[in-house]
Amino acid sequence: MHLNRAVNDLRKAIDAQPGNEASWTTLVRVLHRRHGPGPASCAASAAIAMGHPASLFEGDVTPRHEALGAPKTPLPAVVDAVAAPTGLPPTVRRLFTLCEHSFDKVLPFDAAAWRLRKPSAEHRLLIEEAGAVAEALGISEPRLKVTYIAPVACIPISGDPPTLVVGGHLHEMTTPQERVFLFARALKVAANHLAPALRARPGELDLALLALLQGHEGGRTHGADPRQIEELRKKLLKAVSRRWRDEVDSLVLELRGNSSFSTRSAAFAVSQLGNRVALTLTGDVPAAVNALLKMAGHAVPKNDAGRLDAIRETPEAWAVIQFAISDAHFEARAQAGVDL
């Protein structure tokens, strides 16, 4: 019991002062005693990702600073349930599965704005890497579209079949380890039919979810025009297959009564699911953090205060650090068959 309390206290200390080297080294030692070398190595990898010297954790991680152990592939579906954040309960994930085409109608992907093109010979490596990651996740062969509007993009746009938009310079501006994480993140979101959440412009997903959850008696509108909400709701429900409408109605009723679900936070929760499953697959916290910093348009500082600041200013990157040292991550690894 005292070790559990110590682990939780150290997590709080790191959350308050992630630059404190002693908190990280102590967390690694306590986790090793409480849970063994696998969870301890997750914390060590996270510490290195934050910019702490790798020499402090020699023997706790692989030579490439990854957590020890490897999952069995393809990853079992239960990993999704364990890794999913509280803001993305099973009800929401099922609702997206049934309503992805409805969201496509009201949140269409603007292919023209992205100036998409087919992959060329120079992108063959990306196609091969994405295919290998899809196989590791138990997902069907993905389709890739290329854009030069966002050189480091790796964005899911559809789940049927899994389709990603990748930056034309992604292979030049990232390492192979970073790309494995990015492909796993995007493919997991696509395969769960959650792509509309990440491709929608800010505020659009919130409005669409509000409309879907709206009852005839009215409800939360977040200041939107009630008539616009009602019209959007009609469009969404019209696009739902008749065979699924009763289930959609049931899911909507359940979500209306879930006070902890936030439509405004749904997109971030979706990205968290992708990031968490991707990290469970790779075990490479530094590569995950670097990839997310690059996706956010940050330069990637090395081991200095600038790196710490960049991570704290990038919500997805900081959330990956927090997940890496969490019990949820340790359980996801156990469900994935990591035997440490």
C-alpha atoms as a PDB file:
ATOM      1  CA  MET A   1       0.000   0.000   0.000  1.00  0.00           C
ATOM      2  CA  HIS A   2       2.796   2.433   0.897  1.00  0.00           C
ATOM      3  CA  LEU A   3       4.448   1.856  -2.496  1.00  0.00           C
ATOM      4  CA  ASN A   4       1.194   2.681  -4.294  1.00  0.00           C
ATOM      5  CA  ARG A   5       0.951   5.889  -2.291  1.00  0.00           C
ATOM      6  CA  ALA A   6       4.553   6.718  -3.097  1.00  0.00           C
ATOM      7  CA  VAL A   7       3.957   6.208  -6.828  1.00  0.00           C
ATOM      8  CA  ASN A   8       0.920   8.497  -6.776  1.00  0.00           C
ATOM      9  CA  ASP A   9       2.803  11.160  -4.808  1.00  0.00           C
ATOM     10  CA  LEU A  10       5.673  11.048  -7.282  1.00  0.00           C
ATOM     11  CA  ARG A  11       3.283  11.386 -10.223  1.00  0.00           C
ATOM     12  CA  LYS A  12       1.826  14.507  -8.603  1.00  0.00           C
ATOM     13  CA  ALA A  13       5.301  15.889  -7.996  1.00  0.00           C
ATOM     14  CA  ILE A  14       6.262  15.317 -11.636  1.00  0.00           C
ATOM     15  CA  ASP A  15       3.039  16.923 -12.798  1.00  0.00           C
ATOM     16  CA  ALA A  16       3.899  20.022 -10.762  1.00  0.00           C
ATOM     17  CA  GLN A  17       7.631  20.067 -11.567  1.00  0.00           C
ATOM     18  CA  PRO A  18       8.490  17.799 -14.511  1.00  0.00           C
ATOM     19  CA  GLY A  19      12.006  19.199 -14.623  1.00  0.00           C
ATOM     20  CA  ASN A  20      12.863  17.740 -11.232  1.00  0.00           C
ATOM     21  CA  GLU A  21      15.369  15.004 -11.987  1.00  0.00           C
ATOM     22  CA  ALA A  22      15.135  13.385  -8.557  1.00  0.00           C
ATOM     23  CA  SER A  23      11.385  12.797  -8.879  1.00  0.00           C
ATOM     24  CA  TRP A  24      11.899  10.846 -12.087  1.00  0.00           C
ATOM     25  CA  THR A  25      14.765   8.683 -10.837  1.00  0.00           C
ATOM     26  CA  THR A  26      12.856   7.921  -7.641  1.00  0.00           C
ATOM     27  CA  LEU A  27       9.696   7.047  -9.615  1.00  0.00           C
ATOM     28  CA  VAL A  28      11.661   4.571 -11.731  1.00  0.00           C
ATOM     29  CA  ARG A  29      13.087   2.879  -8.613  1.00  0.00           C
ATOM     30  CA  VAL A  30       9.721   2.714  -6.840  1.00  0.00           C
ATOM     31  CA  LEU A  31       7.924   1.379  -9.928  1.00  0.00           C
ATOM     32  CA  HIS A  32      10.591  -1.284 -10.295  1.00  0.00           C
ATOM     33  CA  ARG A  33       9.932  -2.430  -6.747  1.00  0.00           C
ATOM     34  CA  ARG A  34       6.146  -2.210  -7.057  1.00  0.00           C
ATOM     35  CA  HIS A  35       5.481  -3.419 -10.616  1.00  0.00           C
ATOM     36  CA  GLY A  36       8.760  -4.715 -12.037  1.00  0.00           C
ATOM     37  CA  PRO A  37      11.128  -3.674 -14.847  1.00  0.00           C
ATOM     38  CA  GLY A  38       8.461  -3.100 -17.511  1.00  0.00           C
ATOM     39  CA  PRO A  39       6.530  -0.230 -15.876  1.00  0.00           C
ATOM     40  CA  ALA A  40       9.797   1.182 -14.524  1.00  0.00           C
ATOM     41  CA  SER A  41      11.158   1.291 -18.058  1.00  0.00           C
ATOM     42  CA  CYS A  42       8.051   3.200 -19.204  1.00  0.00           C
ATOM     43  CA  ALA A  43       8.841   5.913 -16.653  1.00  0.00           C
ATOM     44  CA  ALA A  44      12.504   5.932 -17.639  1.00  0.00           C
ATOM     45  CA  SER A  45      11.595   6.332 -21.320  1.00  0.00           C
ATOM     46  CA  ALA A  46       9.240   9.186 -20.392  1.00  0.00           C
ATOM     47  CA  ALA A  47      11.961  10.890 -18.353  1.00  0.00           C
ATOM     48  CA  ILE A  48      14.342  10.736 -21.315  1.00  0.00           C
ATOM     49  CA  ALA A  49      11.571  12.106 -23.535  1.00  0.00           C
ATOM     50  CA  MET A  50      11.308  15.076 -21.180  1.00  0.00           C
ATOM     51  CA  GLY A  51      14.993  15.788 -21.716  1.00  0.00           C
ATOM     52  CA  HIS A  52      16.561  14.198 -18.649  1.00  0.00           C
ATOM     53  CA  PRO A  53      19.957  12.530 -19.251  1.00  0.00           C
ATOM     54  CA  ALA A  54      19.679   9.011 -20.615  1.00  0.00           C
ATOM     55  CA  SER A  55      22.741   8.066 -18.584  1.00  0.00           C
ATOM     56  CA  LEU A  56      20.583   8.218 -15.433  1.00  0.00           C
ATOM     57  CA  PHE A  57      18.453   5.363 -16.740  1.00  0.00           C
ATOM     58  CA  GLU A  58      21.064   3.084 -18.278  1.00  0.00           C
ATOM     59  CA  GLY A  59      19.795  -0.476 -18.124  1.00  0.00           C
ATOM     60  CA  ASP A  60      16.223   0.637 -17.495  1.00  0.00           C
ATOM     61  CA  VAL A  61      15.436   1.119 -21.210  1.00  0.00           C
ATOM     62  CA  THR A  62      16.588  -0.265 -24.551  1.00  0.00           C
ATOM     63  CA  PRO A  63      19.612   1.313 -26.285  1.00  0.00           C
ATOM     64  CA  ARG A  64      17.102   3.429 -28.294  1.00  0.00           C
ATOM     65  CA  HIS A  65      15.459   4.619 -25.050  1.00  0.00           C
ATOM     66  CA  GLU A  66      12.303   2.522 -25.517  1.00  0.00           C
ATOM     67  CA  ALA A  67      10.447   0.775 -22.713  1.00  0.00           C
ATOM     68  CA  LEU A  68      11.469  -2.841 -22.239  1.00  0.00           C
ATOM     69  CA  GLY A  69       9.410  -5.630 -23.761  1.00  0.00           C
ATOM     70  CA  ALA A  70       7.333  -5.866 -26.920  1.00  0.00           C
ATOM     71  CA  PRO A  71       3.602  -6.442 -27.415  1.00  0.00           C
ATOM     72  CA  LYS A  72       2.154  -9.381 -29.264  1.00  0.00           C
ATOM     73  CA  THR A  73       0.694  -8.424 -32.601  1.00  0.00           C
ATOM     74  CA  PRO A  74      -1.858  -7.831 -33.830  1.00  0.00           C
ATOM     75  CA  LEU A  75      -2.877  -5.859 -30.758  1.00  0.00           C
ATOM     76  CA  PRO A  76      -6.067  -7.248 -29.180  1.00  0.00           C
ATOM     77  CA  ALA A  77      -9.173  -5.062 -29.229  1.00  0.00           C
ATOM     78  CA  VAL A  78      -9.234  -4.934 -25.427  1.00  0.00           C
ATOM     79  CA  VAL A  79      -6.267  -2.528 -25.560  1.00  0.00           C
ATOM     80  CA  ASP A  80      -8.626   0.139 -26.932  1.00  0.00           C
ATOM     81  CA  ALA A  81     -10.953  -0.231 -23.977  1.00  0.00           C
ATOM     82  CA  VAL A  82      -8.115  -0.018 -21.470  1.00  0.00           C
ATOM     83  CA  ALA A  83      -6.339   2.886 -23.163  1.00  0.00           C
ATOM     84  CA  ALA A  84      -9.406   5.004 -23.971  1.00  0.00           C
ATOM     85  CA  PRO A  85      -9.570   8.220 -21.914  1.00  0.00           C
ATOM     86  CA  THR A  86     -12.601   8.909 -19.723  1.00  0.00           C
ATOM     87  CA  GLY A  87     -13.748  11.534 -22.231  1.00  0.00           C
ATOM     88  CA  LEU A  88     -14.239   8.830 -24.860  1.00  0.00           C
ATOM     89  CA  PRO A  89     -16.471   6.160 -23.288  1.00  0.00           C
ATOM     90  CA  PRO A  90     -17.670   3.096 -25.253  1.00  0.00           C
ATOM     91  CA  THR A  91     -20.965   4.865 -25.961  1.00  0.00           C
ATOM     92  CA  VAL A  92     -19.191   7.611 -27.886  1.00  0.00           C
ATOM     93  CA  ARG A  93     -16.945   5.219 -29.773  1.00  0.00           C
ATOM     94  CA  ARG A  94     -19.950   3.148 -30.847  1.00  0.00           C
ATOM     95  CA  LEU A  95     -21.839   6.290 -31.849  1.00  0.00           C
ATOM     96  CA  PHE A  96     -19.006   7.344 -34.144  1.00  0.00           C
ATOM     97  CA  THR A  97     -18.899   3.859 -35.660  1.00  0.00           C
ATOM     98  CA  LEU A  98     -22.579   4.049 -36.594  1.00  0.00           C
ATOM     99  CA  CYS A  99     -22.550   7.730 -37.580  1.00  0.00           C
ATOM    100  CA  GLU A 100     -19.242   8.174 -39.405  1.00  0.00           C
ATOM    101  CA  HIS A 101     -21.015   8.641 -42.743  1.00  0.00           C
ATOM    102  CA  SER A 102     -23.437  11.073 -41.094  1.00  0.00           C
ATOM    103  CA  PHE A 103     -20.516  13.143 -39.858  1.00  0.00           C
ATOM    104  CA  ASP A 104     -19.016  12.934 -43.352  1.00  0.00           C
ATOM    105  CA  LYS A 105     -22.151  14.669 -44.651  1.00  0.00           C
ATOM    106  CA  VAL A 106     -21.983  17.617 -42.249  1.00  0.00           C
ATOM    107  CA  LEU A 107     -18.192  17.696 -41.750  1.00  0.00           C
ATOM    108  CA  PRO A 108     -16.914  16.920 -45.244  1.00  0.00           C
ATOM    109  CA  PHE A 109     -13.183  16.691 -45.846  1.00  0.00           C
ATOM    110  CA  ASP A 110     -12.037  19.528 -48.129  1.00  0.00           C
ATOM    111  CA  ALA A 111      -9.747  17.599 -50.448  1.00  0.00           C
ATOM    112  CA  ALA A 112      -9.282  20.582 -52.756  1.00  0.00           C
ATOM    113  CA  ALA A 113      -7.923  22.744 -49.952  1.00  0.00           C
ATOM    114  CA  TRP A 114      -5.349  20.084 -49.121  1.00  0.00           C
ATOM    115  CA  ARG A 115      -4.375  19.675 -52.810  1.00  0.00           C
ATOM    116  CA  LEU A 116      -4.220  15.919 -52.508  1.00  0.00           C
ATOM    117  CA  ARG A 117      -2.325  13.796 -54.949  1.00  0.00           C
ATOM    118  CA  LYS A 118      -1.477  10.135 -55.344  1.00  0.00           C
ATOM    119  CA  PRO A 119       1.748   8.882 -53.736  1.00  0.00           C
ATOM    120  CA  SER A 120       4.703   8.906 -56.098  1.00  0.00           C
ATOM    121  CA  ALA A 121       7.716   6.609 -56.196  1.00  0.00           C
ATOM    122  CA  GLU A 122       9.461   8.653 -53.498  1.00  0.00           C
ATOM    123  CA  HIS A 123       6.611   7.830 -51.108  1.00  0.00           C
ATOM    124  CA  ARG A 124       6.871   4.053 -51.521  1.00  0.00           C
ATOM    125  CA  LEU A 125       8.588   3.821 -48.139  1.00  0.00           C
ATOM    126  CA  LEU A 126       5.623   5.534 -46.457  1.00  0.00           C
ATOM    127  CA  ILE A 127       3.198   3.084 -48.080  1.00  0.00           C
ATOM    128  CA  GLU A 128       5.246   0.124 -46.872  1.00  0.00           C
ATOM    129  CA  GLU A 129       5.590   1.524 -43.343  1.00  0.00           C
ATOM    130  CA  ALA A 130       1.884   2.297 -43.056  1.00  0.00           C
ATOM    131  CA  GLY A 131       1.041  -1.200 -44.265  1.00  0.00           C
ATOM    132  CA  ALA A 132       3.331  -2.805 -41.687  1.00  0.00           C
ATOM    133  CA  VAL A 133       1.810  -0.751 -38.851  1.00  0.00           C
ATOM    134  CA  ALA A 134      -1.706  -1.609 -40.030  1.00  0.00           C
ATOM    135  CA  GLU A 135      -0.808  -5.284 -39.889  1.00  0.00           C
ATOM    136  CA  ALA A 136       0.535  -4.874 -36.339  1.00  0.00           C
ATOM    137  CA  LEU A 137      -2.752  -3.260 -35.322  1.00  0.00           C
ATOM    138  CA  GLY A 138      -4.877  -5.870 -37.102  1.00  0.00           C
ATOM    139  CA  ILE A 139      -6.222  -3.257 -39.527  1.00  0.00           C
ATOM    140  CA  SER A 140      -6.841  -3.672 -43.253  1.00  0.00           C
ATOM    141  CA  GLU A 141      -4.383  -2.239 -45.781  1.00  0.00           C
ATOM    142  CA  PRO A 142      -4.581   1.575 -45.639  1.00  0.00           C
ATOM    143  CA  ARG A 143      -4.795   4.047 -48.468  1.00  0.00           C
ATOM    144  CA  LEU A 144      -2.502   7.067 -48.502  1.00  0.00           C
ATOM    145  CA  LYS A 145      -3.027  10.482 -50.051  1.00  0.00           C
ATOM    146  CA  VAL A 146      -0.210  13.014 -50.218  1.00  0.00           C
ATOM    147  CA  THR A 147      -0.265  16.746 -49.539  1.00  0.00           C
ATOM    148  CA  TYR A 148       2.459  19.373 -49.566  1.00  0.00           C
ATOM    149  CA  ILE A 149       0.288  21.891 -47.709  1.00  0.00           C
ATOM    150  CA  ALA A 150       1.343  20.306 -44.396  1.00  0.00           C
ATOM    151  CA  PRO A 151       4.736  18.612 -44.909  1.00  0.00           C
ATOM    152  CA  VAL A 152       4.626  16.538 -41.690  1.00  0.00           C
ATOM    153  CA  ALA A 153       0.920  15.673 -41.762  1.00  0.00           C
ATOM    154  CA  CYS A 154      -0.320  12.205 -40.864  1.00  0.00           C
ATOM    155  CA  ILE A 155      -4.069  12.626 -40.546  1.00  0.00           C
ATOM    156  CA  PRO A 156      -6.882  10.074 -40.710  1.00  0.00           C
ATOM    157  CA  ILE A 157      -9.708  11.101 -43.031  1.00  0.00           C
ATOM    158  CA  SER A 158     -11.774   7.941 -43.370  1.00  0.00           C
ATOM    159  CA  GLY A 159     -12.231   4.549 -41.789  1.00  0.00           C
ATOM    160  CA  ASP A 160     -13.770   2.584 -44.627  1.00  0.00           C
ATOM    161  CA  PRO A 161     -11.221   1.825 -45.932  1.00  0.00           C
ATOM    162  CA  PRO A 162      -8.631   3.340 -43.554  1.00  0.00           C
ATOM    163  CA  THR A 163      -7.386   6.407 -45.394  1.00  0.00           C
ATOM    164  CA  LEU A 164      -4.676   8.829 -44.315  1.00  0.00           C
ATOM    165  CA  VAL A 165      -3.335  12.128 -45.595  1.00  0.00           C
ATOM    166  CA  VAL A 166       0.443  12.254 -45.239  1.00  0.00           C
ATOM    167  CA  GLY A 167       2.808  15.142 -45.785  1.00  0.00           C
ATOM    168  CA  GLY A 168       4.908  14.970 -48.911  1.00  0.00           C
ATOM    169  CA  HIS A 169       8.049  15.460 -46.829  1.00  0.00           C
ATOM    170  CA  LEU A 170       7.049  13.246 -43.899  1.00  0.00           C
ATOM    171  CA  HIS A 171       9.745  10.692 -44.752  1.00  0.00           C
ATOM    172  CA  GLU A 172      12.410  13.416 -44.821  1.00  0.00           C
ATOM    173  CA  MET A 173      11.413  15.271 -41.644  1.00  0.00           C
ATOM    174  CA  THR A 174      10.796  12.354 -39.275  1.00  0.00           C
ATOM    175  CA  THR A 175      12.631   9.253 -38.150  1.00  0.00           C
ATOM    176  CA  PRO A 176      11.332   5.717 -38.813  1.00  0.00           C
ATOM    177  CA  GLN A 177      10.444   5.384 -35.115  1.00  0.00           C
ATOM    178  CA  GLU A 178       8.449   8.626 -35.170  1.00  0.00           C
ATOM    179  CA  ARG A 179       6.567   7.495 -38.269  1.00  0.00           C
ATOM    180  CA  VAL A 180       5.596   4.186 -36.689  1.00  0.00           C
ATOM    181  CA  PHE A 181       3.993   6.165 -33.868  1.00  0.00           C
ATOM    182  CA  LEU A 182       2.262   8.601 -36.246  1.00  0.00           C
ATOM    183  CA  PHE A 183       0.922   5.838 -38.485  1.00  0.00           C
ATOM    184  CA  ALA A 184      -0.301   3.822 -35.491  1.00  0.00           C
ATOM    185  CA  ARG A 185      -1.999   6.911 -34.045  1.00  0.00           C
ATOM    186  CA  ALA A 186      -3.749   7.814 -37.294  1.00  0.00           C
ATOM    187  CA  LEU A 187      -4.700   4.252 -38.247  1.00  0.00           C
ATOM    188  CA  LYS A 188      -6.185   3.506 -34.846  1.00  0.00           C
ATOM    189  CA  VAL A 189      -8.384   6.613 -35.107  1.00  0.00           C
ATOM    190  CA  ALA A 190      -9.388   5.756 -38.669  1.00  0.00           C
ATOM    191  CA  ALA A 191     -10.172   2.122 -37.886  1.00  0.00           C
ATOM    192  CA  ASN A 192     -12.413   3.207 -35.016  1.00  0.00           C
ATOM    193  CA  HIS A 193     -14.342   5.477 -37.418  1.00  0.00           C
ATOM    194  CA  LEU A 194     -13.275   8.525 -35.408  1.00  0.00           C
ATOM    195  CA  ALA A 195     -11.545  10.373 -38.263  1.00  0.00           C
ATOM    196  CA  PRO A 196     -14.197  13.139 -38.511  1.00  0.00           C
ATOM    197  CA  ALA A 197     -13.220  14.254 -35.008  1.00  0.00           C
ATOM    198  CA  LEU A 198      -9.632  15.013 -36.034  1.00  0.00           C
ATOM    199  CA  ARG A 199     -10.224  16.426 -39.480  1.00  0.00           C
ATOM    200  CA  ALA A 200     -13.028  18.839 -38.499  1.00  0.00           C
ATOM    201  CA  ARG A 201     -12.248  22.495 -37.949  1.00  0.00           C
ATOM    202  CA  PRO A 202     -12.349  23.771 -34.343  1.00  0.00           C
ATOM    203  CA  GLY A 203     -15.923  24.176 -33.163  1.00  0.00           C
ATOM    204  CA  GLU A 204     -17.493  22.188 -35.997  1.00  0.00           C
ATOM    205  CA  LEU A 205     -17.333  18.848 -34.214  1.00  0.00           C
ATOM    206  CA  ASP A 206     -18.699  20.428 -31.037  1.00  0.00           C
ATOM    207  CA  LEU A 207     -21.668  21.774 -32.976  1.00  0.00           C
ATOM    208  CA  ALA A 208     -22.320  18.475 -34.758  1.00  0.00           C
ATOM    209  CA  LEU A 209     -22.226  16.493 -31.517  1.00  0.00           C
ATOM    210  CA  LEU A 210     -24.490  19.020 -29.804  1.00  0.00           C
ATOM    211  CA  ALA A 211     -26.957  18.651 -32.659  1.00  0.00           C
ATOM    212  CA  LEU A 212     -26.859  14.857 -32.495  1.00  0.00           C
ATOM    213  CA  LEU A 213     -27.446  14.867 -28.739  1.00  0.00           C
ATOM    214  CA  GLN A 214     -30.219  17.440 -28.929  1.00  0.00           C
ATOM    215  CA  GLY A 215     -33.706  16.243 -28.039  1.00  0.00           C
ATOM    216  CA  HIS A 216     -36.980  17.620 -29.287  1.00  0.00           C
ATOM    217  CA  GLU A 217     -37.316  19.344 -25.931  1.00  0.00           C
ATOM    218  CA  GLY A 218     -34.097  21.276 -26.495  1.00  0.00           C
ATOM    219  CA  GLY A 219     -30.946  21.220 -24.404  1.00  0.00           C
ATOM    220  CA  ARG A 220     -27.392  22.521 -24.367  1.00  0.00           C
ATOM    221  CA  THR A 221     -26.522  24.684 -27.364  1.00  0.00           C
ATOM    222  CA  HIS A 222     -23.290  26.409 -26.266  1.00  0.00           C
ATOM    223  CA  GLY A 223     -24.717  29.667 -27.599  1.00  0.00           C
ATOM    224  CA  ALA A 224     -25.480  28.304 -31.084  1.00  0.00           C
ATOM    225  CA  ASP A 225     -28.686  29.165 -32.936  1.00  0.00           C
ATOM    226  CA  PRO A 226     -31.289  26.540 -31.901  1.00  0.00           C
ATOM    227  CA  ARG A 227     -32.662  26.489 -35.450  1.00  0.00           C
ATOM    228  CA  GLN A 228     -29.194  25.762 -36.839  1.00  0.00           C
ATOM    229  CA  ILE A 229     -28.801  22.967 -34.279  1.00  0.00           C
ATOM    230  CA  GLU A 230     -32.143  21.418 -35.228  1.00  0.00           C
ATOM    231  CA  GLU A 231     -31.376  21.578 -38.967  1.00  0.00           C
ATOM    232  CA  LEU A 232     -27.985  19.970 -38.386  1.00  0.00           C
ATOM    233  CA  ARG A 233     -29.592  17.246 -36.289  1.00  0.00           C
ATOM    234  CA  LYS A 234     -32.012  16.404 -39.095  1.00  0.00           C
ATOM    235  CA  LYS A 235     -29.139  16.099 -41.586  1.00  0.00           C
ATOM    236  CA  LEU A 236     -27.182  13.843 -39.259  1.00  0.00           C
ATOM    237  CA  LEU A 237     -30.063  11.498 -38.509  1.00  0.00           C
ATOM    238  CA  LYS A 238     -31.172  11.364 -42.143  1.00  0.00           C
ATOM    239  CA  ALA A 239     -27.771   9.954 -43.095  1.00  0.00           C
ATOM    240  CA  VAL A 240     -27.940   7.172 -40.478  1.00  0.00           C
ATOM    241  CA  SER A 241     -28.847   3.781 -41.925  1.00  0.00           C
ATOM    242  CA  ARG A 242     -32.363   2.699 -40.913  1.00  0.00           C
ATOM    243  CA  ARG A 243     -31.040  -0.528 -39.432  1.00  0.00           C
ATOM    244  CA  TRP A 244     -28.974   1.474 -36.919  1.00  0.00           C
ATOM    245  CA  ARG A 245     -31.401   4.263 -35.988  1.00  0.00           C
ATOM    246  CA  ASP A 246     -32.837   2.545 -32.917  1.00  0.00           C
ATOM    247  CA  GLU A 247     -29.356   1.891 -31.567  1.00  0.00           C
ATOM    248  CA  VAL A 248     -28.280   5.453 -32.320  1.00  0.00           C
ATOM    249  CA  ASP A 249     -31.320   6.764 -30.436  1.00  0.00           C
ATOM    250  CA  SER A 250     -30.406   4.565 -27.477  1.00  0.00           C
ATOM    251  CA  LEU A 251     -26.797   5.746 -27.484  1.00  0.00           C
ATOM    252  CA  VAL A 252     -27.868   9.373 -27.707  1.00  0.00           C
ATOM    253  CA  LEU A 253     -30.188   8.960 -24.729  1.00  0.00           C
ATOM    254  CA  GLU A 254     -27.379   7.387 -22.722  1.00  0.00           C
ATOM    255  CA  LEU A 255     -24.969  10.195 -23.577  1.00  0.00           C
ATOM    256  CA  ARG A 256     -27.488  12.886 -22.692  1.00  0.00           C
ATOM    257  CA  GLY A 257     -27.433  11.525 -19.166  1.00  0.00           C
ATOM    258  CA  ASN A 258     -23.628  11.404 -19.002  1.00  0.00           C
ATOM    259  CA  SER A 259     -22.652  14.672 -17.336  1.00  0.00           C
ATOM    260  CA  SER A 260     -18.929  13.850 -17.640  1.00  0.00           C
ATOM    261  CA  PHE A 261     -19.008  13.766 -21.454  1.00  0.00           C
ATOM    262  CA  SER A 262     -17.962  17.050 -23.077  1.00  0.00           C
ATOM    263  CA  THR A 263     -18.586  17.681 -26.764  1.00  0.00           C
ATOM    264  CA  ARG A 264     -15.903  20.381 -26.665  1.00  0.00           C
ATOM    265  CA  SER A 265     -13.279  17.910 -25.464  1.00  0.00           C
ATOM    266  CA  ALA A 266     -14.208  15.079 -27.834  1.00  0.00           C
ATOM    267  CA  ALA A 267     -11.540  15.821 -30.455  1.00  0.00           C
ATOM    268  CA  PHE A 268      -8.764  15.828 -27.873  1.00  0.00           C
ATOM    269  CA  ALA A 269     -10.093  12.595 -26.363  1.00  0.00           C
ATOM    270  CA  VAL A 270     -10.009  10.984 -29.814  1.00  0.00           C
ATOM    271  CA  SER A 271      -6.399  12.065 -30.325  1.00  0.00           C
ATOM    272  CA  GLN A 272      -5.561  10.663 -26.886  1.00  0.00           C
ATOM    273  CA  LEU A 273      -6.954   7.255 -27.827  1.00  0.00           C
ATOM    274  CA  GLY A 274      -4.797   7.177 -30.950  1.00  0.00           C
ATOM    275  CA  ASN A 275      -1.706   8.332 -29.071  1.00  0.00           C
ATOM    276  CA  ARG A 276      -2.196   5.866 -26.226  1.00  0.00           C
ATOM    277  CA  VAL A 277      -2.648   2.818 -28.429  1.00  0.00           C
ATOM    278  CA  ALA A 278       0.295   3.918 -30.573  1.00  0.00           C
ATOM    279  CA  LEU A 279       2.504   4.212 -27.495  1.00  0.00           C
ATOM    280  CA  THR A 280       1.352   0.796 -26.274  1.00  0.00           C
ATOM    281  CA  LEU A 281       2.493  -0.611 -29.614  1.00  0.00           C
ATOM    282  CA  THR A 282       5.873   1.158 -29.790  1.00  0.00           C
ATOM    283  CA  GLY A 283       6.923   1.693 -26.167  1.00  0.00           C
ATOM    284  CA  ASP A 284       9.011   4.599 -27.453  1.00  0.00           C
ATOM    285  CA  VAL A 285       8.096   7.745 -25.504  1.00  0.00           C
ATOM    286  CA  PRO A 286      10.868   9.996 -26.937  1.00  0.00           C
ATOM    287  CA  ALA A 287       9.835   9.173 -30.521  1.00  0.00           C
ATOM    288  CA  ALA A 288       6.155   9.751 -29.670  1.00  0.00           C
ATOM    289  CA  VAL A 289       6.871  13.145 -28.122  1.00  0.00           C
ATOM    290  CA  ASN A 290       9.159  14.206 -30.972  1.00  0.00           C
ATOM    291  CA  ALA A 291       6.546  13.192 -33.542  1.00  0.00           C
ATOM    292  CA  LEU A 292       3.792  15.150 -31.808  1.00  0.00           C
ATOM    293  CA  LEU A 293       6.013  18.227 -31.440  1.00  0.00           C
ATOM    294  CA  LYS A 294       6.794  18.111 -35.152  1.00  0.00           C
ATOM    295  CA  MET A 295       3.103  17.656 -36.013  1.00  0.00           C
ATOM    296  CA  ALA A 296       2.347  20.749 -33.926  1.00  0.00           C
ATOM    297  CA  GLY A 297       4.925  22.761 -35.866  1.00  0.00           C
ATOM    298  CA  HIS A 298       7.504  22.980 -33.078  1.00  0.00           C
ATOM    299  CA  ALA A 299      11.209  22.740 -33.489  1.00  0.00           C
ATOM    300  CA  VAL A 300      12.309  19.768 -31.417  1.00  0.00           C
ATOM    301  CA  PRO A 301      14.754  20.967 -28.753  1.00  0.00           C
ATOM    302  CA  LYS A 302      17.232  18.486 -27.362  1.00  0.00           C
ATOM    303  CA  ASN A 303      17.831  18.069 -23.663  1.00  0.00           C
ATOM    304  CA  ASP A 304      17.298  21.555 -22.282  1.00  0.00           C
ATOM    305  CA  ALA A 305      14.663  23.763 -20.711  1.00  0.00           C
ATOM    306  CA  GLY A 306      13.339  24.615 -24.171  1.00  0.00           C
ATOM    307  CA  ARG A 307      12.294  21.003 -24.675  1.00  0.00           C
ATOM    308  CA  LEU A 308      10.404  20.959 -21.393  1.00  0.00           C
ATOM    309  CA  ASP A 309       8.573  24.151 -22.327  1.00  0.00           C
ATOM    310  CA  ALA A 310       7.709  22.851 -25.810  1.00  0.00           C
ATOM    311  CA  ILE A 311       6.228  19.676 -24.340  1.00  0.00           C
ATOM    312  CA  ARG A 312       4.172  21.531 -21.740  1.00  0.00           C
ATOM    313  CA  GLU A 313       2.884  23.883 -24.460  1.00  0.00           C
ATOM    314  CA  THR A 314       1.792  20.956 -26.655  1.00  0.00           C
ATOM    315  CA  PRO A 315      -1.209  19.298 -24.968  1.00  0.00           C
ATOM    316  CA  GLU A 316      -0.936  16.010 -26.861  1.00  0.00           C
ATOM    317  CA  ALA A 317       2.764  15.640 -26.074  1.00  0.00           C
ATOM    318  CA  TRP A 318       2.282  16.361 -22.374  1.00  0.00           C
ATOM    319  CA  ALA A 319      -0.691  13.967 -22.233  1.00  0.00           C
ATOM    320  CA  VAL A 320       1.513  11.195 -23.688  1.00  0.00           C
ATOM    321  CA  ILE A 321       4.061  11.750 -20.914  1.00  0.00           C
ATOM    322  CA  GLN A 322       1.321  11.505 -18.293  1.00  0.00           C
ATOM    323  CA  PHE A 323      -0.116   8.354 -19.863  1.00  0.00           C
ATOM    324  CA  ALA A 324       3.324   6.737 -20.113  1.00  0.00           C
ATOM    325  CA  ILE A 325       3.671   6.641 -16.313  1.00  0.00           C
ATOM    326  CA  SER A 326       0.031   5.754 -15.588  1.00  0.00           C
ATOM    327  CA  ASP A 327      -1.521   2.503 -14.393  1.00  0.00           C
ATOM    328  CA  ALA A 328      -3.711   2.579 -17.509  1.00  0.00           C
ATOM    329  CA  HIS A 329      -0.585   2.328 -19.670  1.00  0.00           C
ATOM    330  CA  PHE A 330       0.807  -0.533 -17.605  1.00  0.00           C
ATOM    331  CA  GLU A 331      -2.515  -2.381 -17.921  1.00  0.00           C
ATOM    332  CA  ALA A 332      -2.689  -1.716 -21.678  1.00  0.00           C
ATOM    333  CA  ARG A 333       0.803  -3.211 -22.058  1.00  0.00           C
ATOM    334  CA  ALA A 334      -0.227  -6.240 -20.013  1.00  0.00           C
ATOM    335  CA  GLN A 335      -3.320  -6.745 -22.192  1.00  0.00           C
ATOM    336  CA  ALA A 336      -1.107  -6.385 -25.279  1.00  0.00           C
ATOM    337  CA  GLY A 337       1.015  -9.287 -24.075  1.00  0.00           C
ATOM    338  CA  VAL A 338       4.132  -7.409 -22.947  1.00  0.00           C
ATOM    339  CA  ASP A 339       5.633  -9.956 -20.562  1.00  0.00           C
ATOM    340  CA  LEU A 340       7.564  -7.595 -18.267  1.00  0.00           C
END
